[in-house]
Protein backbone atom coordinates (compact mmCIF):
# COMPACT_ATOMS: atom_id res chain seq x y z
CA UNK A 1 -91.95 -22.81 107.21
CA UNK A 2 -90.51 -20.23 104.52
CA UNK A 3 -90.57 -16.50 105.50
CA UNK A 4 -90.27 -13.54 103.31
CA UNK A 5 -88.96 -10.46 105.08
CA UNK A 6 -89.87 -7.00 104.09
CA UNK A 7 -88.55 -3.86 106.05
CA UNK A 8 -89.24 -0.26 105.81
CA UNK A 9 -86.76 2.30 106.98
CA UNK A 10 -87.98 6.17 107.27
CA UNK A 11 -87.22 9.15 108.53
CA UNK A 12 -89.26 8.64 111.82
CA UNK A 13 -90.13 5.16 112.01
CA UNK A 14 -88.65 1.60 111.03
CA UNK A 15 -91.32 -1.18 110.20
CA UNK A 16 -90.55 -4.93 109.90
CA UNK A 17 -93.11 -7.61 108.18
CA UNK A 18 -92.64 -11.22 107.68
CA UNK A 19 -94.83 -13.14 105.50
CA UNK A 20 -95.63 -16.81 105.32
CA UNK A 21 -95.27 -18.31 101.62
CA UNK A 22 -98.98 -17.86 101.35
CA UNK A 23 -98.41 -14.22 101.91
CA UNK A 24 -99.73 -14.24 105.32
CA UNK A 25 -98.31 -11.68 108.06
CA UNK A 26 -96.96 -13.95 110.57
CA UNK A 27 -95.63 -10.92 112.81
CA UNK A 28 -94.54 -7.36 112.29
CA UNK A 29 -92.91 -4.62 114.02
CA UNK A 30 -93.27 -0.63 114.20
CA UNK A 31 -90.51 0.78 116.08
CA UNK A 32 -89.15 4.35 116.36
CA UNK A 33 -85.92 5.33 114.28
CA UNK A 34 -84.92 7.39 117.19
CA UNK A 35 -82.17 9.11 114.79
CA UNK A 36 -80.31 5.67 114.95
CA UNK A 37 -81.22 3.82 111.79
CA UNK A 38 -78.57 1.04 112.56
CA UNK A 39 -79.44 0.28 116.15
CA UNK A 40 -82.85 0.14 115.67
CA UNK A 41 -82.58 -2.20 112.51
CA UNK A 42 -80.40 -4.50 114.54
CA UNK A 43 -83.16 -4.37 117.25
CA UNK A 44 -86.24 -5.25 115.24
CA UNK A 45 -84.23 -8.13 113.64
CA UNK A 46 -83.43 -9.61 117.19
CA UNK A 47 -87.19 -9.29 117.92
CA UNK A 48 -88.60 -10.50 114.99
CA UNK A 49 -86.21 -13.48 115.19
CA UNK A 50 -87.38 -14.25 118.72
CA UNK A 51 -90.97 -14.03 117.70
CA UNK A 52 -90.95 -16.57 114.69
CA UNK A 53 -90.32 -20.23 115.12
CA UNK A 54 -87.13 -21.58 115.38
CA UNK A 55 -87.13 -23.82 112.10
CA UNK A 56 -88.19 -21.07 109.85
CA UNK A 57 -86.38 -20.52 106.67
CA UNK A 58 -85.53 -16.80 105.37
CA UNK A 59 -86.20 -17.21 101.57
CA UNK A 60 -86.03 -13.86 100.57
CA UNK A 61 -85.69 -10.13 102.27
CA UNK A 62 -86.58 -6.82 100.25
CA UNK A 63 -86.09 -3.23 102.07
CA UNK A 64 -87.66 -0.08 101.27
CA UNK A 65 -87.87 3.62 102.37
CA UNK A 66 -85.43 6.44 102.73
CA UNK A 67 -82.43 4.26 104.28
CA UNK A 68 -83.54 1.40 102.10
CA UNK A 69 -79.81 1.29 100.96
CA UNK A 70 -78.40 1.22 104.38
CA UNK A 71 -80.94 -1.68 105.33
CA UNK A 72 -80.09 -3.67 102.46
CA UNK A 73 -76.31 -3.73 103.41
CA UNK A 74 -76.74 -4.55 106.87
CA UNK A 75 -79.39 -7.20 106.69
CA UNK A 76 -77.92 -8.56 103.12
CA UNK A 77 -81.29 -7.95 101.03
CA UNK A 78 -81.89 -9.54 98.07
CA UNK A 79 -83.61 -6.52 96.34
CA UNK A 80 -84.17 -2.89 97.30
CA UNK A 81 -87.21 -1.09 96.04
CA UNK A 82 -88.52 2.23 96.05
CA UNK A 83 -91.37 3.41 98.54
CA UNK A 84 -93.83 3.87 95.82
CA UNK A 85 -93.61 0.81 94.41
CA UNK A 86 -93.97 -1.26 97.75
CA UNK A 87 -96.83 0.72 99.10
CA UNK A 88 -98.88 0.30 95.85
CA UNK A 89 -98.23 -3.58 95.99
CA UNK A 90 -99.30 -3.58 99.50
CA UNK A 91 -102.42 -1.37 98.46
CA UNK A 92 -103.36 -3.93 95.47
CA UNK A 93 -103.08 -6.82 97.31
CA UNK A 94 -105.01 -5.43 100.52
CA UNK A 95 -107.69 -3.62 98.17
CA UNK A 96 -107.82 -4.85 94.54
CA UNK A 97 -109.79 -2.06 93.16
CA UNK A 98 -107.98 0.54 94.80
CA UNK A 99 -107.35 3.59 92.47
CA UNK A 100 -105.94 5.81 95.08
CA UNK A 101 -103.36 5.55 97.85
CA UNK A 102 -102.70 8.22 100.19
CA UNK A 103 -99.61 7.45 102.52
CA UNK A 104 -98.52 10.08 104.99
CA UNK A 105 -95.54 9.19 107.32
CA UNK A 106 -93.76 10.96 110.10
CA UNK A 107 -91.76 13.48 107.75
CA UNK A 108 -92.75 12.64 103.92
CA UNK A 109 -95.94 11.99 102.16
CA UNK A 110 -97.11 10.36 98.75
CA UNK A 111 -99.77 9.83 96.86
CA UNK A 112 -100.09 7.02 94.26
CA UNK A 113 -102.64 6.89 91.22
CA UNK A 114 -103.40 3.47 90.53
CA UNK A 115 -105.53 2.10 87.50
CA UNK A 116 -106.18 -1.80 86.80
CA UNK A 117 -103.58 -2.59 89.63
CA UNK A 118 -101.02 -0.39 88.04
CA UNK A 119 -99.13 2.61 89.15
CA UNK A 120 -100.09 5.31 86.82
CA UNK A 121 -99.09 8.47 88.44
CA UNK A 122 -97.49 9.61 91.94
CA UNK A 123 -96.35 11.99 93.71
CA UNK A 124 -94.27 13.10 97.03
CA UNK A 125 -94.34 16.04 99.47
CA UNK A 126 -91.70 19.03 98.51
CA UNK A 127 -89.13 19.99 101.59
CA UNK A 128 -92.43 21.46 103.61
CA UNK A 129 -93.40 19.03 106.48
CA UNK A 130 -96.57 20.95 106.78
CA UNK A 131 -98.94 17.77 105.58
CA UNK A 132 -96.92 15.05 107.47
CA UNK A 133 -97.21 13.56 110.74
CA UNK A 134 -94.31 15.73 112.18
CA UNK A 135 -96.63 18.49 111.92
CA UNK A 136 -99.09 17.15 114.28
CA UNK A 137 -96.59 15.74 116.52
CA UNK A 138 -95.34 19.21 117.23
CA UNK A 139 -98.75 20.58 117.53
CA UNK A 140 -99.76 18.12 119.81
CA UNK A 141 -96.88 18.24 122.20
CA UNK A 142 -97.48 22.41 122.57
CA UNK A 143 -100.91 21.54 123.57
CA UNK A 144 -99.27 19.23 126.30
CA UNK A 145 -101.41 15.74 124.78
CA UNK A 146 -99.92 12.70 123.49
CA UNK A 147 -100.64 11.90 119.74
CA UNK A 148 -103.39 9.15 120.88
CA UNK A 149 -105.14 11.86 123.17
CA UNK A 150 -104.99 14.04 119.92
CA UNK A 151 -106.59 11.68 117.55
CA UNK A 152 -109.62 11.51 120.39
CA UNK A 153 -110.13 15.13 120.82
CA UNK A 154 -109.85 15.63 116.85
CA UNK A 155 -112.65 13.17 116.26
CA UNK A 156 -114.67 15.14 119.12
CA UNK A 157 -114.33 18.21 117.44
CA UNK A 158 -117.60 20.10 116.03
CA UNK A 159 -116.61 23.43 114.66
CA UNK A 160 -114.81 24.17 111.76
CA UNK A 161 -112.08 26.40 113.34
CA UNK A 162 -109.84 27.50 110.21
CA UNK A 163 -106.43 27.18 111.47
CA UNK A 164 -103.42 28.72 109.22
CA UNK A 165 -101.06 26.04 108.58
CA UNK A 166 -98.65 26.43 105.66
CA UNK A 167 -95.90 26.44 108.45
CA UNK A 168 -95.24 25.55 111.94
CA UNK A 169 -94.95 29.03 113.08
CA UNK A 170 -98.44 30.31 111.49
CA UNK A 171 -100.29 27.44 112.82
CA UNK A 172 -98.86 27.67 116.46
CA UNK A 173 -99.70 31.81 116.23
CA UNK A 174 -103.07 31.06 114.70
CA UNK A 175 -103.61 28.25 117.24
CA UNK A 176 -102.96 30.95 120.19
CA UNK A 177 -105.29 33.23 118.69
CA UNK A 178 -108.02 30.79 118.39
CA UNK A 179 -107.85 29.87 121.97
CA UNK A 180 -107.97 33.64 122.92
CA UNK A 181 -111.12 33.62 120.83
CA UNK A 182 -112.67 31.23 123.23
CA UNK A 183 -112.76 28.38 120.66
CA UNK A 184 -112.77 24.71 122.18
CA UNK A 185 -109.39 22.97 122.14
CA UNK A 186 -111.07 19.95 120.35
CA UNK A 187 -112.47 22.23 118.08
CA UNK A 188 -108.86 23.99 117.28
CA UNK A 189 -107.39 20.20 117.48
CA UNK A 190 -109.92 19.14 114.45
CA UNK A 191 -108.94 22.43 112.49
CA UNK A 192 -105.54 21.15 112.96
CA UNK A 193 -106.51 18.23 111.24
CA UNK A 194 -108.10 19.77 108.38
CA UNK A 195 -105.27 22.15 107.87
CA UNK A 196 -102.76 19.12 107.55
CA UNK A 197 -105.29 17.57 105.23
CA UNK A 198 -105.58 20.69 103.00
CA UNK A 199 -101.84 21.18 103.14
CA UNK A 200 -101.36 17.50 101.61
CA UNK A 201 -103.88 17.89 98.93
CA UNK A 202 -102.68 21.42 97.76
CA UNK A 203 -99.07 20.20 97.69
CA UNK A 204 -98.82 16.13 97.13
CA UNK A 205 -102.45 16.08 95.59
CA UNK A 206 -102.15 19.20 93.02
CA UNK A 207 -103.81 18.02 89.87
CA UNK A 208 -103.66 14.59 90.38
CA UNK A 209 -106.81 12.77 89.51
CA UNK A 210 -108.28 11.52 92.89
CA UNK A 211 -110.67 8.69 92.32
CA UNK A 212 -112.41 6.17 94.89
CA UNK A 213 -111.49 3.49 96.43
CA UNK A 214 -109.10 5.79 98.32
CA UNK A 215 -106.59 3.70 100.82
CA UNK A 216 -105.07 5.49 103.26
CA UNK A 217 -101.76 4.19 104.55
CA UNK A 218 -98.90 5.07 106.48
CA UNK A 219 -98.83 5.97 110.97
CA UNK A 220 -100.76 9.03 110.60
CA UNK A 221 -103.76 6.71 109.52
CA UNK A 222 -104.15 6.04 113.20
CA UNK A 223 -105.39 9.49 113.72
CA UNK A 224 -109.21 9.39 113.58
CA UNK A 225 -109.19 13.14 113.13
CA UNK A 226 -107.36 12.87 109.58
CA UNK A 227 -109.36 10.58 108.16
CA UNK A 228 -112.74 12.72 109.34
CA UNK A 229 -110.98 15.28 107.52
CA UNK A 230 -109.86 13.26 104.64
CA UNK A 231 -113.67 11.62 104.19
CA UNK A 232 -114.99 15.48 104.18
CA UNK A 233 -112.54 16.94 101.90
CA UNK A 234 -112.38 14.45 99.38
CA UNK A 235 -116.44 13.36 99.90
CA UNK A 236 -115.47 9.80 99.63
CA UNK A 237 -115.34 6.96 102.13
CA UNK A 238 -111.71 6.50 103.27
CA UNK A 239 -110.36 2.46 103.29
CA UNK A 240 -107.63 2.05 106.02
CA UNK A 241 -106.14 -1.54 106.04
CA UNK A 242 -105.66 -3.52 108.82
CA UNK A 243 -102.01 -3.13 109.12
CA UNK A 244 -101.57 0.35 107.70
CA UNK A 245 -98.59 1.50 109.33
CA UNK A 246 -96.48 -1.84 108.05
CA UNK A 247 -97.80 -1.21 104.48
CA UNK A 248 -94.36 -0.49 103.04
CA UNK A 249 -92.61 -3.83 104.83
CA UNK A 250 -95.75 -5.58 103.45
CA UNK A 251 -95.24 -4.36 99.89
CA UNK A 252 -91.36 -5.15 100.25
CA UNK A 253 -91.75 -8.90 101.68
CA UNK A 254 -94.53 -9.44 98.52
CA UNK A 255 -91.69 -8.27 96.27
CA UNK A 256 -89.30 -10.35 97.56
CA UNK A 257 -91.45 -13.37 97.54
CA UNK A 258 -92.26 -12.57 93.72
CA UNK A 259 -88.56 -11.86 93.01
CA UNK A 260 -87.71 -15.25 94.60
CA UNK A 261 -90.61 -17.05 92.63
CA UNK A 262 -89.41 -15.51 89.16
CA UNK A 263 -85.83 -15.80 89.73
CA UNK A 264 -85.00 -18.80 92.18
CA UNK A 265 -81.69 -18.49 94.13
CA UNK A 266 -79.77 -18.42 97.32
CA UNK A 267 -81.07 -15.65 99.70
CA UNK A 268 -78.43 -13.40 101.02
CA UNK A 269 -79.79 -12.60 104.22
CA UNK A 270 -77.05 -12.47 106.77
CA UNK A 271 -79.02 -13.98 109.82
CA UNK A 272 -80.70 -12.70 112.78
CA UNK A 273 -77.52 -12.89 114.42
CA UNK A 274 -76.28 -9.67 112.86
CA UNK A 275 -78.51 -8.00 115.66
CA UNK A 276 -75.38 -8.23 117.80
CA UNK A 277 -72.82 -7.14 115.23
CA UNK A 278 -71.24 -3.82 114.95
CA UNK A 279 -71.24 -1.65 112.13
CA UNK A 280 -69.87 1.82 111.40
CA UNK A 281 -70.76 4.41 108.87
CA UNK A 282 -69.15 7.00 107.08
CA UNK A 283 -69.20 9.16 104.21
CA UNK A 284 -66.41 11.26 101.71
CA UNK A 285 -66.79 13.29 98.65
CA UNK A 286 -65.80 11.50 95.62
CA UNK A 287 -63.53 13.78 93.31
CA UNK A 288 -63.76 11.02 90.19
CA UNK A 289 -65.77 13.63 88.24
CA UNK A 290 -67.10 17.35 88.77
CA UNK A 291 -70.17 16.13 90.22
CA UNK A 292 -68.66 15.37 93.64
CA UNK A 293 -71.29 13.21 95.02
CA UNK A 294 -71.24 12.40 98.49
CA UNK A 295 -70.44 8.56 98.92
CA UNK A 296 -72.16 6.62 102.16
CA UNK A 297 -70.07 3.62 103.22
CA UNK A 298 -71.19 0.83 105.65
CA UNK A 299 -68.47 -1.24 107.21
CA UNK A 300 -68.03 -4.39 109.30
CA UNK A 301 -64.71 -4.77 111.57
CA UNK A 302 -62.97 -2.79 109.35
CA UNK A 303 -64.08 -4.21 105.76
CA UNK A 304 -66.55 -1.93 103.20
CA UNK A 305 -69.67 -4.46 103.15
CA UNK A 306 -71.47 -2.04 100.56
CA UNK A 307 -71.29 1.82 99.52
CA UNK A 308 -73.98 3.87 97.60
CA UNK A 309 -74.90 7.69 96.81
CA UNK A 310 -73.02 8.36 93.81
CA UNK A 311 -74.93 9.33 90.29
CA UNK A 312 -73.00 6.39 88.56
CA UNK A 313 -72.30 3.27 89.60
CA UNK A 314 -68.47 3.28 90.33
CA UNK A 315 -68.94 2.89 94.17
CA UNK A 316 -71.81 0.95 94.18
CA UNK A 317 -69.91 -1.95 92.46
CA UNK A 318 -68.38 -2.46 95.77
CA UNK A 319 -72.01 -4.54 96.96
CA UNK A 320 -73.79 -5.03 94.01
CA UNK A 321 -76.03 -7.21 95.83
CA UNK A 322 -77.61 -4.13 97.41
CA UNK A 323 -78.17 -2.30 93.83
CA UNK A 324 -81.60 -0.92 93.43
CA UNK A 325 -84.03 -2.87 91.25
CA UNK A 326 -86.14 -1.19 89.13
């Protein structure tokens, strides 16, 4: 069996998707990064390897996400792709006539405008996290509930309680005030969902031509309150794909398959055995020019296997196989 593997390493979670030669999802993983991306990548590879039949052949591997270069160096990726491309490819695969992709993750969010199956425009969030999943996680913890209960209670909210949520501090103060006024927790929780959606649309969605069909991807798409708030704000149906939390990894795997078909060659995958290998990451400041880029290195047994981070390719030439394909 020929397999194509996609890995999406984000700030909060690490996602894996293994596709068959027919581009069907065979297995996937959604793991918390826990501030240990290298260890979680290795853990995930070990779990994926145990889930797949022993006679599989990995024909192509692609990585994406904020730590895509790190992941690519560890696993031996054939291609490294940005998140916009991977999310768009997966969305078009799931909903061929999609016009808008909303992707909200733990610490970043994206809006992708697609026309005729091609990316026409996109935007990502600024440094503010008020339109991301971490905003909801923080407020759920303050209310002493997990995110599943948060989602359930947001769905039950009836009154449209306005929560000032341009930042976490203001949101907390306003929540306390609304509780003191006698509003129910369900209504306040739904108010928080509406706040996140308003923040997202005013920041990431500002000036964008949002048209249906609208596809909602990312881990936050588990939250029924956010889906409801998006539907009300956009006055449009919101499509949530079956494996919305894995779409970045699925898109990466699809691109790995496409690349293999277009330019056949030997897969660089290092094997599932690397789940037991030891890696070391380090950084230094390049002094070759006044820009002074911070260069990231990853080593195995004292040997540098990849370097990246510069504005030129001076250090990336150490491991050309992980260069990002455009």
